[in-house]
Structures are given as C-alpha cells and as structure tokens.
Amino acid sequence: MTFCREIHPWYRFIASMRLHCNRLISYGALVALIGYIMSGPVAFFIVSVVNPQPPWESSALFAENYHTIQDTPYYFGFLLVGGMLMVTAGHYLNYKGSNPVKKFHMLLAVAWTIIFATLIMFNYVSQISFVRNLAVNYKPEYDAAIQIFSMSNPLSFCWANEMWGYGFLGLATILLSGYYQHDSKVIYLLLIVNGFVSLLSAIMTLIDATWVMTTIGLFCYFAWNILMIALMMYLYNHAKRQAKLDDAEPIHSN
C-alpha cells in the first residue's frame, strides 16, 4: 500500500481526479521537460536572434541593450522549477518500500528541492521585475543594483545564487537515486551524474565565478541541458507506465 493510499480520505479525491503519485511524477517530469527545453536551448536561440545582450561591460550598456525578450528564459524557468517540485514530491509520496533510510532520503530530496526552488525563483523574480524596471527606467544611480543582480554580469550575486541553487538540486537528485537502484539503472545513473555535475559546477564558482560565461561554461551548460532533458524523458516514460498499472488496480476505500 502506498503512502498516497494511507492518507484517506484525501486518496478518494486524488483518485477521482486520476492523480496517483506516479501520475504526479509523470506530469512533473513533463512540465520540467518543457521548462528545460524552452528556458534553455529554445530561449537561448530566440534571444540570440531577436535582441542579444553584448558581453558585460557596464550597467549603462546593459540598460541600453535591454529588451523584454531577454527575460524569456526566466519565464519558462518557472515551469522547470515547478516541475522539479512535483517530481520530488511525487517520489516521496509514492515510495513503497519499508526502508526508513530511503524514505528519509526522499524527504531530504524534497527539502533540498524546496531550497533550490526558493533560490532560483528569487533569481527569476529579480530579473523579470527588479532588474527589468531598473533597466527600463535607467538612471546612473541604479548602476550598483544592476551590477549586483543582473545575470548578464557573470560576477553578479544572482549567478552565484543560481549555481548553488542547482547544486542543491543536485543533492536532491542524488538522494532520489535510491528510488531507482533496483528498478531503472539508467535513471539511477542519470540522477547521480546530475548530482555530481551540479555540485562540481557550484564549487567551480568558488575558484572562478565568471567561468559560467566562458566558452567552456556555455558548453557545459548545453551538455547539462541535454542530460536533464534525457532524465526528464526517462522519468516521464517510467512514471507513465507505472501510472497505467495503478489505474488497473481496484480502489478500496476504508
């Protein structure tokens, strides 16, 4: 019996809407997949074609070249963050094993994902609201604030916040990996690889915070996007298959 079925009478409501825990994972993976694709490669292409920012030199130059289209990655990023919250919550709720350590790992994964979501959403709100208004209504006295918060500046606070946010998500995926240890080796390995890659990327900011804007940094960014897109596709397909099995099981009320 899953955790979901133990929280009667809520299970009736969830079952009536056909939202089993596996379905929550599959929906979350799909939402996150759209977020990774649209906020990553697609948004990068759109911004590069329509109105790209030149390499960072000053806040004045940033404001001069600012365009709303440059905020496209952040808007789609909300899907990415929301999807990852759904994925980790779904795994915690759907864990069927009796191992208390693994159950605790699932709970910690949810906690780390919440921390990730908090940090990353702070960045997105800063870019689409705070930095945007400073750029649109630019005055020289706004220079310091733009320099600190704009993600066009590789030395901005928001870039450090971003890298550590995804580092914490990496911790979450490592903790989730045990869920698939004996079920799907591919997902198990992808979760672990993402964890170590994300943590290493965050640690790299301690050595050189500007590396994210270098050629190597951009290459790593796109490689990581491919990794996460593949992971979300595997998670979606796996959870969708499990959801079909759940739908085939009879629902017993207490």
Protein backbone atom coordinates (compact mmCIF):
# COMPACT_ATOMS: atom_id res chain seq x y z
CA MET A 1 0.00 0.00 0.00
CA THR A 2 1.46 3.36 -0.99
CA PHE A 3 1.72 6.39 1.22
CA CYS A 4 -0.90 8.03 -1.01
CA ARG A 5 -3.46 5.35 -0.15
CA GLU A 6 -2.78 5.74 3.55
CA ILE A 7 -3.88 9.39 3.68
CA HIS A 8 -7.60 8.59 3.44
CA PRO A 9 -9.92 10.44 2.78
CA TRP A 10 -7.63 12.50 0.56
CA TYR A 11 -6.95 9.43 -1.55
CA ARG A 12 -10.56 9.41 -2.80
CA PHE A 13 -10.17 12.96 -4.03
CA ILE A 14 -6.84 12.20 -5.69
CA ALA A 15 -8.15 9.00 -7.26
CA SER A 16 -11.27 10.76 -8.56
CA MET A 17 -9.04 13.19 -10.45
CA ARG A 18 -6.83 10.32 -11.65
CA LEU A 19 -3.81 11.85 -9.97
CA HIS A 20 -1.98 8.93 -8.46
CA CYS A 21 1.51 9.59 -7.20
CA ASN A 22 3.07 8.10 -10.33
CA ARG A 23 0.92 10.42 -12.37
CA LEU A 24 2.23 13.32 -10.30
CA ILE A 25 5.79 12.24 -11.17
CA SER A 26 4.96 11.91 -14.88
CA TYR A 27 3.21 15.29 -15.01
CA GLY A 28 6.05 16.90 -13.08
CA ALA A 29 8.66 15.41 -15.39
CA LEU A 30 6.69 16.64 -18.42
CA VAL A 31 6.38 20.17 -17.02
CA ALA A 32 10.08 20.23 -16.10
CA LEU A 33 10.98 18.83 -19.55
CA ILE A 34 9.15 21.70 -21.23
CA GLY A 35 10.92 24.09 -18.85
CA TYR A 36 14.38 22.70 -19.60
CA ILE A 37 13.82 22.82 -23.36
CA MET A 38 12.16 26.22 -23.52
CA SER A 39 14.28 28.05 -20.92
CA GLY A 40 17.49 26.52 -22.26
CA PRO A 41 18.20 25.91 -25.97
CA VAL A 42 14.99 27.45 -27.33
CA ALA A 43 15.15 30.65 -25.28
CA PHE A 44 18.89 30.98 -25.95
CA PHE A 45 18.21 30.82 -29.70
CA ILE A 46 15.29 33.27 -29.54
CA VAL A 47 17.26 35.85 -27.54
CA SER A 48 20.34 35.44 -29.77
CA VAL A 49 18.27 36.09 -32.89
CA VAL A 50 15.92 38.81 -31.67
CA ASN A 51 17.93 41.01 -29.31
CA PRO A 52 21.03 39.59 -27.57
CA GLN A 53 22.93 41.38 -24.85
CA PRO A 54 26.56 42.23 -25.67
CA PRO A 55 29.26 40.92 -23.29
CA TRP A 56 29.04 42.64 -19.92
CA GLU A 57 30.89 45.94 -19.63
CA SER A 58 28.70 48.23 -17.56
CA SER A 59 25.20 48.71 -16.22
CA ALA A 60 24.66 51.57 -18.66
CA LEU A 61 25.46 49.33 -21.64
CA PHE A 62 23.16 46.64 -20.26
CA ALA A 63 20.27 49.10 -19.90
CA GLU A 64 20.89 50.48 -23.38
CA ASN A 65 20.61 46.99 -24.91
CA TYR A 66 17.88 45.61 -22.66
CA HIS A 67 14.80 44.07 -24.27
CA THR A 68 11.91 42.19 -22.68
CA ILE A 69 12.66 39.17 -24.89
CA GLN A 70 15.83 38.66 -22.85
CA ASP A 71 13.64 37.60 -19.92
CA THR A 72 12.23 34.65 -21.88
CA PRO A 73 14.45 32.03 -20.15
CA TYR A 74 13.24 33.12 -16.73
CA TYR A 75 9.53 32.89 -17.58
CA PHE A 76 9.96 29.35 -18.87
CA GLY A 77 12.20 28.65 -15.89
CA PHE A 78 9.16 28.77 -13.62
CA LEU A 79 7.94 25.62 -15.37
CA LEU A 80 11.29 23.96 -14.74
CA VAL A 81 11.20 24.76 -11.03
CA GLY A 82 7.56 23.81 -10.58
CA GLY A 83 8.09 20.55 -12.43
CA MET A 84 11.04 19.56 -10.25
CA LEU A 85 8.99 20.22 -7.11
CA MET A 86 6.28 17.92 -8.46
CA VAL A 87 8.83 15.24 -9.33
CA THR A 88 10.49 15.10 -5.91
CA ALA A 89 7.20 15.33 -4.01
CA GLY A 90 5.79 12.54 -6.17
CA HIS A 91 8.72 10.25 -5.38
CA TYR A 92 8.39 10.86 -1.65
CA LEU A 93 4.65 10.16 -1.67
CA ASN A 94 4.99 7.12 -3.90
CA TYR A 95 7.84 5.33 -2.11
CA LYS A 96 6.51 1.83 -1.41
CA GLY A 97 9.48 0.32 0.38
CA SER A 98 9.85 -0.30 4.09
CA ASN A 99 13.41 1.05 4.30
CA PRO A 100 13.24 4.09 6.67
CA VAL A 101 16.61 5.39 5.42
CA LYS A 102 15.40 5.57 1.82
CA LYS A 103 12.15 7.17 2.95
CA PHE A 104 14.19 9.78 4.83
CA HIS A 105 16.30 10.34 1.69
CA MET A 106 13.11 11.03 -0.25
CA LEU A 107 12.08 13.57 2.39
CA LEU A 108 15.50 15.23 2.29
CA ALA A 109 15.26 15.38 -1.51
CA VAL A 110 12.00 17.33 -1.18
CA ALA A 111 13.66 19.69 1.33
CA TRP A 112 16.67 20.34 -0.94
CA THR A 113 14.35 20.89 -3.90
CA ILE A 114 12.38 23.46 -1.93
CA ILE A 115 15.65 25.27 -1.15
CA PHE A 116 16.57 25.07 -4.85
CA ALA A 117 13.18 26.46 -5.85
CA THR A 118 13.45 29.32 -3.36
CA LEU A 119 16.88 30.40 -4.60
CA ILE A 120 16.13 30.05 -8.30
CA MET A 121 12.73 31.76 -8.13
CA PHE A 122 14.39 34.66 -6.31
CA ASN A 123 16.67 34.99 -9.33
CA TYR A 124 13.81 34.83 -11.82
CA VAL A 125 11.74 37.42 -9.97
CA SER A 126 14.80 39.66 -9.68
CA GLN A 127 15.40 39.52 -13.44
CA ILE A 128 11.83 39.92 -14.74
CA SER A 129 10.75 42.56 -12.24
CA PHE A 130 13.54 44.30 -10.32
CA VAL A 131 16.33 44.38 -12.94
CA ARG A 132 13.85 44.97 -15.74
CA ASN A 133 12.47 48.10 -14.09
CA LEU A 134 15.93 49.41 -13.34
CA ALA A 135 16.90 48.94 -17.00
CA VAL A 136 13.72 50.41 -18.47
CA ASN A 137 13.86 53.42 -16.13
CA TYR A 138 17.64 53.61 -16.12
CA LYS A 139 19.47 56.23 -14.08
CA PRO A 140 23.19 56.27 -13.25
CA GLU A 141 22.35 55.77 -9.56
CA TYR A 142 20.95 52.33 -10.49
CA ASP A 143 24.34 51.10 -11.69
CA ALA A 144 25.30 49.28 -8.49
CA ALA A 145 21.99 47.45 -8.17
CA ILE A 146 22.04 46.34 -11.82
CA GLN A 147 25.63 45.17 -11.49
CA ILE A 148 24.82 43.11 -8.40
CA PHE A 149 21.60 41.49 -9.64
CA SER A 150 21.71 41.31 -13.45
CA MET A 151 22.59 37.85 -14.73
CA SER A 152 24.22 39.46 -17.74
CA ASN A 153 27.07 40.17 -15.32
CA PRO A 154 28.98 36.91 -14.61
CA LEU A 155 30.09 38.36 -11.25
CA SER A 156 26.57 39.17 -10.09
CA PHE A 157 25.15 37.77 -6.88
CA CYS A 158 22.39 36.10 -8.86
CA TRP A 159 24.86 33.92 -10.79
CA ALA A 160 26.39 32.63 -7.57
CA ASN A 161 22.86 32.10 -6.24
CA GLU A 162 21.91 30.25 -9.45
CA MET A 163 24.85 27.86 -9.42
CA TRP A 164 24.43 26.95 -5.76
CA GLY A 165 20.68 26.58 -6.26
CA TYR A 166 21.27 23.96 -8.92
CA GLY A 167 23.97 22.43 -6.75
CA PHE A 168 21.33 21.86 -4.08
CA LEU A 169 19.06 20.33 -6.72
CA GLY A 170 21.98 18.02 -7.45
CA LEU A 171 21.92 16.89 -3.83
CA ALA A 172 18.20 16.19 -4.24
CA THR A 173 18.71 14.02 -7.34
CA ILE A 174 21.46 12.03 -5.60
CA LEU A 175 19.08 11.37 -2.72
CA LEU A 176 16.34 10.35 -5.17
CA SER A 177 18.59 7.91 -7.00
CA GLY A 178 17.99 5.15 -4.43
CA TYR A 179 14.36 5.02 -5.57
CA TYR A 180 15.54 3.55 -8.88
CA GLN A 181 18.52 1.49 -7.70
CA HIS A 182 16.80 -1.82 -8.47
CA ASP A 183 14.21 -0.50 -10.89
CA SER A 184 15.91 1.54 -13.62
CA LYS A 185 19.68 1.68 -13.83
CA VAL A 186 19.56 4.42 -16.47
CA ILE A 187 17.51 6.79 -14.31
CA TYR A 188 19.57 5.81 -11.26
CA LEU A 189 22.83 6.77 -13.02
CA LEU A 190 21.44 9.96 -14.58
CA LEU A 191 20.26 11.19 -11.18
CA ILE A 192 23.70 10.58 -9.68
CA VAL A 193 25.57 12.11 -12.63
CA ASN A 194 23.44 15.25 -12.46
CA GLY A 195 24.12 15.49 -8.74
CA PHE A 196 27.88 15.42 -9.05
CA VAL A 197 27.94 17.64 -12.15
CA SER A 198 25.74 20.25 -10.46
CA LEU A 199 27.75 20.22 -7.24
CA LEU A 200 31.04 20.48 -9.14
CA SER A 201 29.66 23.41 -11.16
CA ALA A 202 28.70 25.20 -7.95
CA ILE A 203 32.11 24.57 -6.39
CA MET A 204 33.75 25.96 -9.54
CA THR A 205 32.25 29.35 -8.71
CA LEU A 206 34.50 29.42 -5.62
CA ILE A 207 37.51 29.24 -7.94
CA ASP A 208 36.27 31.48 -10.76
CA ALA A 209 32.77 32.93 -10.63
CA THR A 210 32.99 34.11 -14.25
CA TRP A 211 33.52 30.62 -15.71
CA VAL A 212 29.80 30.27 -16.48
CA MET A 213 30.11 32.88 -19.24
CA THR A 214 33.21 31.36 -20.85
CA THR A 215 33.19 29.05 -23.87
CA ILE A 216 33.70 26.06 -21.57
CA GLY A 217 30.91 27.30 -19.33
CA LEU A 218 28.46 27.57 -22.24
CA PHE A 219 29.45 24.11 -23.47
CA CYS A 220 28.85 22.68 -20.01
CA TYR A 221 25.51 24.47 -19.84
CA PHE A 222 24.24 22.89 -23.04
CA ALA A 223 25.64 19.47 -22.11
CA TRP A 224 23.85 19.70 -18.77
CA ASN A 225 20.62 20.68 -20.53
CA ILE A 226 20.87 17.56 -22.68
CA LEU A 227 21.45 15.48 -19.54
CA MET A 228 18.38 16.90 -17.78
CA ILE A 229 16.18 16.64 -20.87
CA ALA A 230 17.12 12.96 -21.17
CA LEU A 231 16.49 12.42 -17.45
CA MET A 232 13.04 14.03 -17.59
CA MET A 233 12.11 11.93 -20.63
CA TYR A 234 13.11 8.72 -18.85
CA LEU A 235 11.26 9.77 -15.69
CA TYR A 236 8.15 10.65 -17.65
CA ASN A 237 8.04 7.36 -19.55
CA HIS A 238 8.79 5.29 -16.45
CA ALA A 239 6.16 7.03 -14.30
CA LYS A 240 3.59 6.91 -17.08
CA ARG A 241 3.98 3.13 -17.34
CA GLN A 242 3.63 2.79 -13.57
CA ALA A 243 0.57 5.05 -13.59
CA LYS A 244 -1.14 2.74 -16.08
CA LEU A 245 -0.52 -0.16 -13.72
CA ASP A 246 -2.00 1.89 -10.85
CA ASP A 247 -5.08 2.67 -12.91
CA ALA A 248 -5.61 -1.04 -13.49
CA GLU A 249 -5.67 -1.72 -9.72
CA PRO A 250 -9.06 -1.54 -7.94
CA ILE A 251 -9.53 1.30 -5.46
CA HIS A 252 -10.54 0.18 -1.96
CA SER A 253 -11.95 2.71 0.49
CA ASN A 254 -11.63 2.34 4.24
